[in-house]
Amino acid sequence: MNSAELFERRDELKHVIGELREELNGIEDQLEDLYKDLARDALRADGKDFGTTTIHADGLKLKANVAKKVVWDQTKLANWLSQQSEENARHYGKLTFAVEERKYTAAPPDIRAQLEECRTTEVGSFKVEIV
């Protein structure tokens, strides 16, 4: 292939990939509509809001994952960090005013309780696979 043909083929492939990505996203959305509520119900039955669970639906055994998405109240967290020692502020905070989940989980109870006011969890991504 010459250079012009390579560029033309690349453009063709980008177009096909874009169409396939759209189709895949549509299928993922449909699967989420079908199984997300079942997965969340199964997780709640186990006392969880997020994580991986197995569900049975439509004659299939499915492994579903409901990811956790943590959102920090930027104003509250900035205020909390500004009241901490420089060492604690640097350890727990980031410039984006977020606290890493592992540090939040490992924080002493008094610090964790204060951070709780700045923290919100939301449902993140959802994935389901046939087992």
C-alpha atoms as a PDB file:
ATOM      1  CA  MET A   1       0.000   0.000   0.000  1.00  0.00           C
ATOM      2  CA  ASN A   2       1.166   3.497  -0.715  1.00  0.00           C
ATOM      3  CA  SER A   3       0.818   6.361   1.765  1.00  0.00           C
ATOM      4  CA  ALA A   4      -2.503   7.604   0.368  1.00  0.00           C
ATOM      5  CA  GLU A   5      -3.959   4.087   0.578  1.00  0.00           C
ATOM      6  CA  LEU A   6      -2.719   3.688   4.162  1.00  0.00           C
ATOM      7  CA  PHE A   7      -4.419   6.941   5.197  1.00  0.00           C
ATOM      8  CA  GLU A   8      -7.601   5.949   3.388  1.00  0.00           C
ATOM      9  CA  ARG A   9      -7.643   2.510   5.024  1.00  0.00           C
ATOM     10  CA  ARG A  10      -6.963   4.047   8.421  1.00  0.00           C
ATOM     11  CA  ASP A  11      -9.928   6.397   7.987  1.00  0.00           C
ATOM     12  CA  GLU A  12     -12.135   3.469   6.944  1.00  0.00           C
ATOM     13  CA  LEU A  13     -11.111   1.475  10.017  1.00  0.00           C
ATOM     14  CA  LYS A  14     -11.692   4.447  12.330  1.00  0.00           C
ATOM     15  CA  HIS A  15     -15.190   4.757  10.915  1.00  0.00           C
ATOM     16  CA  VAL A  16     -15.917   1.020  11.370  1.00  0.00           C
ATOM     17  CA  ILE A  17     -14.483   1.084  14.902  1.00  0.00           C
ATOM     18  CA  GLY A  18     -16.672   4.079  15.749  1.00  0.00           C
ATOM     19  CA  GLU A  19     -19.784   2.302  14.484  1.00  0.00           C
ATOM     20  CA  LEU A  20     -18.880  -0.873  16.387  1.00  0.00           C
ATOM     21  CA  ARG A  21     -18.212   1.124  19.558  1.00  0.00           C
ATOM     22  CA  GLU A  22     -21.663   2.725  19.271  1.00  0.00           C
ATOM     23  CA  GLU A  23     -23.272  -0.686  18.781  1.00  0.00           C
ATOM     24  CA  LEU A  24     -21.344  -2.143  21.720  1.00  0.00           C
ATOM     25  CA  ASN A  25     -22.375   0.765  23.968  1.00  0.00           C
ATOM     26  CA  GLY A  26     -25.996   0.206  22.967  1.00  0.00           C
ATOM     27  CA  ILE A  27     -25.777  -3.483  23.847  1.00  0.00           C
ATOM     28  CA  GLU A  28     -24.079  -2.679  27.173  1.00  0.00           C
ATOM     29  CA  ASP A  29     -26.913  -0.245  27.954  1.00  0.00           C
ATOM     30  CA  GLN A  30     -29.517  -2.919  27.156  1.00  0.00           C
ATOM     31  CA  LEU A  31     -27.758  -5.489  29.350  1.00  0.00           C
ATOM     32  CA  GLU A  32     -27.611  -2.945  32.165  1.00  0.00           C
ATOM     33  CA  ASP A  33     -31.347  -2.282  31.782  1.00  0.00           C
ATOM     34  CA  LEU A  34     -32.044  -6.014  31.941  1.00  0.00           C
ATOM     35  CA  TYR A  35     -29.811  -7.061  34.819  1.00  0.00           C
ATOM     36  CA  LYS A  36     -28.653  -4.142  36.957  1.00  0.00           C
ATOM     37  CA  ASP A  37     -31.692  -4.135  39.251  1.00  0.00           C
ATOM     38  CA  LEU A  38     -31.413  -7.901  39.741  1.00  0.00           C
ATOM     39  CA  ALA A  39     -27.733  -7.548  40.596  1.00  0.00           C
ATOM     40  CA  ARG A  40     -28.391  -4.704  43.032  1.00  0.00           C
ATOM     41  CA  ASP A  41     -31.150  -6.753  44.703  1.00  0.00           C
ATOM     42  CA  ALA A  42     -28.783  -9.715  45.049  1.00  0.00           C
ATOM     43  CA  LEU A  43     -26.078  -7.481  46.524  1.00  0.00           C
ATOM     44  CA  ARG A  44     -28.536  -5.904  48.977  1.00  0.00           C
ATOM     45  CA  ALA A  45     -29.602  -9.403  50.064  1.00  0.00           C
ATOM     46  CA  ASP A  46     -25.947  -9.913  51.020  1.00  0.00           C
ATOM     47  CA  GLY A  47     -25.852  -6.570  52.851  1.00  0.00           C
ATOM     48  CA  LYS A  48     -23.846  -4.822  50.125  1.00  0.00           C
ATOM     49  CA  ASP A  49     -24.452  -1.883  47.814  1.00  0.00           C
ATOM     50  CA  PHE A  50     -21.536  -2.551  45.467  1.00  0.00           C
ATOM     51  CA  GLY A  51     -19.415  -5.465  44.343  1.00  0.00           C
ATOM     52  CA  THR A  52     -19.650  -8.684  42.359  1.00  0.00           C
ATOM     53  CA  THR A  53     -22.518 -11.136  42.609  1.00  0.00           C
ATOM     54  CA  THR A  54     -23.958 -14.088  40.729  1.00  0.00           C
ATOM     55  CA  ILE A  55     -27.505 -13.902  39.424  1.00  0.00           C
ATOM     56  CA  HIS A  56     -29.681 -16.326  37.498  1.00  0.00           C
ATOM     57  CA  ALA A  57     -31.895 -14.862  34.791  1.00  0.00           C
ATOM     58  CA  ASP A  58     -33.266 -15.906  31.433  1.00  0.00           C
ATOM     59  CA  GLY A  59     -31.837 -19.404  31.888  1.00  0.00           C
ATOM     60  CA  LEU A  60     -28.329 -18.003  32.332  1.00  0.00           C
ATOM     61  CA  LYS A  61     -25.929 -17.864  35.245  1.00  0.00           C
ATOM     62  CA  LEU A  62     -24.478 -14.356  35.218  1.00  0.00           C
ATOM     63  CA  LYS A  63     -21.641 -12.696  37.082  1.00  0.00           C
ATOM     64  CA  ALA A  64     -22.485  -9.038  37.612  1.00  0.00           C
ATOM     65  CA  ASN A  65     -20.342  -6.249  38.990  1.00  0.00           C
ATOM     66  CA  VAL A  66     -21.765  -2.992  40.317  1.00  0.00           C
ATOM     67  CA  ALA A  67     -18.843  -0.635  40.795  1.00  0.00           C
ATOM     68  CA  LYS A  68     -18.700   2.002  43.497  1.00  0.00           C
ATOM     69  CA  LYS A  69     -18.158   5.594  42.451  1.00  0.00           C
ATOM     70  CA  VAL A  70     -17.073   7.931  45.235  1.00  0.00           C
ATOM     71  CA  VAL A  71     -17.740  11.672  44.916  1.00  0.00           C
ATOM     72  CA  TRP A  72     -16.240  14.088  47.423  1.00  0.00           C
ATOM     73  CA  ASP A  73     -17.918  17.374  48.348  1.00  0.00           C
ATOM     74  CA  GLN A  74     -15.119  19.696  47.249  1.00  0.00           C
ATOM     75  CA  THR A  75     -16.028  22.597  49.531  1.00  0.00           C
ATOM     76  CA  LYS A  76     -16.409  20.476  52.671  1.00  0.00           C
ATOM     77  CA  LEU A  77     -13.273  18.485  51.944  1.00  0.00           C
ATOM     78  CA  ALA A  78     -11.199  21.603  51.253  1.00  0.00           C
ATOM     79  CA  ASN A  79     -12.436  23.059  54.542  1.00  0.00           C
ATOM     80  CA  TRP A  80     -11.627  19.848  56.432  1.00  0.00           C
ATOM     81  CA  LEU A  81      -8.145  19.596  54.901  1.00  0.00           C
ATOM     82  CA  SER A  82      -7.384  23.239  55.701  1.00  0.00           C
ATOM     83  CA  GLN A  83      -8.101  22.534  59.388  1.00  0.00           C
ATOM     84  CA  GLN A  84      -5.731  19.539  59.551  1.00  0.00           C
ATOM     85  CA  SER A  85      -2.032  19.486  60.201  1.00  0.00           C
ATOM     86  CA  GLU A  86       0.001  19.887  57.039  1.00  0.00           C
ATOM     87  CA  GLU A  87       1.092  16.260  57.362  1.00  0.00           C
ATOM     88  CA  ASN A  88      -2.502  14.951  57.555  1.00  0.00           C
ATOM     89  CA  ALA A  89      -3.669  17.271  54.792  1.00  0.00           C
ATOM     90  CA  ARG A  90      -0.910  16.012  52.478  1.00  0.00           C
ATOM     91  CA  HIS A  91      -1.485  12.381  53.485  1.00  0.00           C
ATOM     92  CA  TYR A  92      -5.255  12.285  53.016  1.00  0.00           C
ATOM     93  CA  GLY A  93      -5.924  14.973  50.433  1.00  0.00           C
ATOM     94  CA  LYS A  94      -5.024  15.510  46.823  1.00  0.00           C
ATOM     95  CA  LEU A  95      -5.060  18.726  44.864  1.00  0.00           C
ATOM     96  CA  THR A  96      -8.438  17.709  43.447  1.00  0.00           C
ATOM     97  CA  PHE A  97      -9.748  17.552  47.002  1.00  0.00           C
ATOM     98  CA  ALA A  98     -10.308  13.842  47.052  1.00  0.00           C
ATOM     99  CA  VAL A  99      -9.358  11.167  49.557  1.00  0.00           C
ATOM    100  CA  GLU A 100      -8.122   7.851  48.229  1.00  0.00           C
ATOM    101  CA  GLU A 101     -10.610   5.144  49.155  1.00  0.00           C
ATOM    102  CA  ARG A 102      -7.944   2.942  50.759  1.00  0.00           C
ATOM    103  CA  LYS A 103      -6.839   5.826  53.018  1.00  0.00           C
ATOM    104  CA  TYR A 104     -10.430   6.656  53.939  1.00  0.00           C
ATOM    105  CA  THR A 105     -11.071   3.001  54.790  1.00  0.00           C
ATOM    106  CA  ALA A 106      -7.867   2.791  56.856  1.00  0.00           C
ATOM    107  CA  ALA A 107      -8.350   6.145  58.628  1.00  0.00           C
ATOM    108  CA  PRO A 108      -8.849   6.175  62.401  1.00  0.00           C
ATOM    109  CA  PRO A 109     -12.539   6.299  63.383  1.00  0.00           C
ATOM    110  CA  ASP A 110     -12.491   9.967  64.458  1.00  0.00           C
ATOM    111  CA  ILE A 111     -10.966  11.139  61.178  1.00  0.00           C
ATOM    112  CA  ARG A 112     -13.159   8.812  59.165  1.00  0.00           C
ATOM    113  CA  ALA A 113     -16.287  10.185  60.882  1.00  0.00           C
ATOM    114  CA  GLN A 114     -15.265  13.740  59.984  1.00  0.00           C
ATOM    115  CA  LEU A 115     -14.503  12.758  56.393  1.00  0.00           C
ATOM    116  CA  GLU A 116     -17.873  11.044  56.099  1.00  0.00           C
ATOM    117  CA  GLU A 117     -19.571  14.453  55.906  1.00  0.00           C
ATOM    118  CA  CYS A 118     -17.590  15.206  52.729  1.00  0.00           C
ATOM    119  CA  ARG A 119     -18.134  11.852  51.024  1.00  0.00           C
ATOM    120  CA  THR A 120     -20.890  10.501  48.805  1.00  0.00           C
ATOM    121  CA  THR A 121     -20.990   7.126  47.081  1.00  0.00           C
ATOM    122  CA  GLU A 122     -22.772   6.597  43.819  1.00  0.00           C
ATOM    123  CA  VAL A 123     -23.249   3.615  41.588  1.00  0.00           C
ATOM    124  CA  GLY A 124     -20.395   3.436  39.107  1.00  0.00           C
ATOM    125  CA  SER A 125     -20.089   1.216  36.088  1.00  0.00           C
ATOM    126  CA  PHE A 126     -21.995  -2.036  35.690  1.00  0.00           C
ATOM    127  CA  LYS A 127     -20.745  -5.178  33.944  1.00  0.00           C
ATOM    128  CA  VAL A 128     -22.366  -8.541  33.443  1.00  0.00           C
ATOM    129  CA  GLU A 129     -20.933 -11.730  31.926  1.00  0.00           C
ATOM    130  CA  ILE A 130     -22.224 -15.248  31.360  1.00  0.00           C
ATOM    131  CA  VAL A 131     -20.541 -17.666  33.761  1.00  0.00           C
END
